[in-house]
Amino acid sequence: MVVDDVPSIIHHVSIGVEDLARAAAFYDKVMATIGARRVMEFPYAVAYGKTFPEMWIQVPFNGEPPGAPMVRRRRALD
């Protein structure tokens, strides 16, 4: 595959979620409006795209709530 053959300007975006099943039901509907669909599934993640994974939803690998590291950094700055 040549880079010019890829119709996207980004590799992928990942969004952490607490409830994968609930989030997947939501994103199934949202992504369908732009012509995307589930292209990969794992017990901890779902990938969406038109031909290849461009957006992932996933349970954080460290077991913390989504965004927890960012909240800690923000509090340290305040």
Protein backbone atom coordinates (compact mmCIF):
# COMPACT_ATOMS: atom_id res chain seq x y z
CA MET A 1 0.00 0.00 0.00
CA VAL A 2 1.29 3.43 -0.95
CA VAL A 3 0.60 6.32 1.42
CA ASP A 4 -1.29 8.15 -1.32
CA ASP A 5 -3.74 5.21 -1.49
CA VAL A 6 -4.94 5.81 2.09
CA PRO A 7 -8.00 8.10 2.12
CA SER A 8 -7.37 9.34 5.67
CA ILE A 9 -5.01 11.96 7.06
CA ILE A 10 -4.80 10.30 10.49
CA HIS A 11 -3.99 6.74 11.51
CA HIS A 12 -6.63 6.44 14.23
CA VAL A 13 -8.27 8.08 17.23
CA SER A 14 -8.91 6.20 20.49
CA ILE A 15 -11.62 7.07 23.00
CA GLY A 16 -11.66 5.50 26.44
CA VAL A 17 -15.06 4.28 27.65
CA GLU A 18 -16.34 2.75 30.89
CA ASP A 19 -19.11 0.60 29.39
CA LEU A 20 -18.00 -0.88 26.07
CA ALA A 21 -21.36 -2.41 25.14
CA ARG A 22 -23.25 0.81 25.79
CA ALA A 23 -20.67 2.95 24.00
CA ALA A 24 -20.61 0.56 21.01
CA ALA A 25 -24.40 0.75 20.68
CA PHE A 26 -24.12 4.55 20.62
CA TYR A 27 -21.20 4.71 18.17
CA ASP A 28 -22.78 2.08 15.88
CA LYS A 29 -25.53 4.63 15.20
CA VAL A 30 -23.29 7.68 15.07
CA MET A 31 -20.66 6.16 12.79
CA ALA A 32 -23.32 4.80 10.41
CA THR A 33 -24.37 8.40 9.65
CA ILE A 34 -20.95 9.00 8.05
CA GLY A 35 -20.77 5.64 6.29
CA ALA A 36 -18.49 3.96 8.83
CA ARG A 37 -19.06 0.59 10.50
CA ARG A 38 -17.43 -1.81 12.93
CA VAL A 39 -14.34 -3.22 11.24
CA MET A 40 -12.71 -4.96 14.23
CA GLU A 41 -13.91 -6.21 17.61
CA PHE A 42 -12.16 -7.44 20.73
CA PRO A 43 -13.50 -8.08 24.25
CA TYR A 44 -11.98 -4.74 25.33
CA ALA A 45 -12.30 -2.62 22.16
CA VAL A 46 -14.27 -1.91 18.97
CA ALA A 47 -12.82 -0.25 15.88
CA TYR A 48 -14.80 1.76 13.33
CA GLY A 49 -13.96 2.85 9.83
CA LYS A 50 -14.99 2.62 6.19
CA THR A 51 -12.32 0.15 5.07
CA PHE A 52 -9.83 0.02 7.97
CA PRO A 53 -9.82 1.03 11.67
CA GLU A 54 -9.83 4.80 12.04
CA MET A 55 -11.59 5.25 15.39
CA TRP A 56 -11.39 2.97 18.41
CA ILE A 57 -13.46 2.85 21.56
CA GLN A 58 -11.88 0.86 24.34
CA VAL A 59 -11.82 0.15 28.03
CA PRO A 60 -8.66 1.74 29.47
CA PHE A 61 -5.90 -0.87 29.69
CA ASN A 62 -4.86 0.30 33.19
CA GLY A 63 -8.32 -0.27 34.69
CA GLU A 64 -8.73 3.38 35.66
CA PRO A 65 -11.74 5.44 34.56
CA PRO A 66 -11.31 7.10 31.16
CA GLY A 67 -9.44 10.38 31.50
CA ALA A 68 -8.11 9.66 35.02
CA PRO A 69 -4.44 10.38 34.18
CA MET A 70 -5.44 13.70 32.61
CA VAL A 71 -7.44 14.65 35.70
CA ARG A 72 -4.47 13.88 37.96
CA ARG A 73 -2.15 16.03 35.82
CA ARG A 74 -4.64 18.87 35.80
CA ARG A 75 -5.01 18.77 39.59
CA ALA A 76 -1.22 18.82 39.97
CA LEU A 77 -1.10 22.06 37.97
CA ASP A 78 -3.84 23.80 39.96
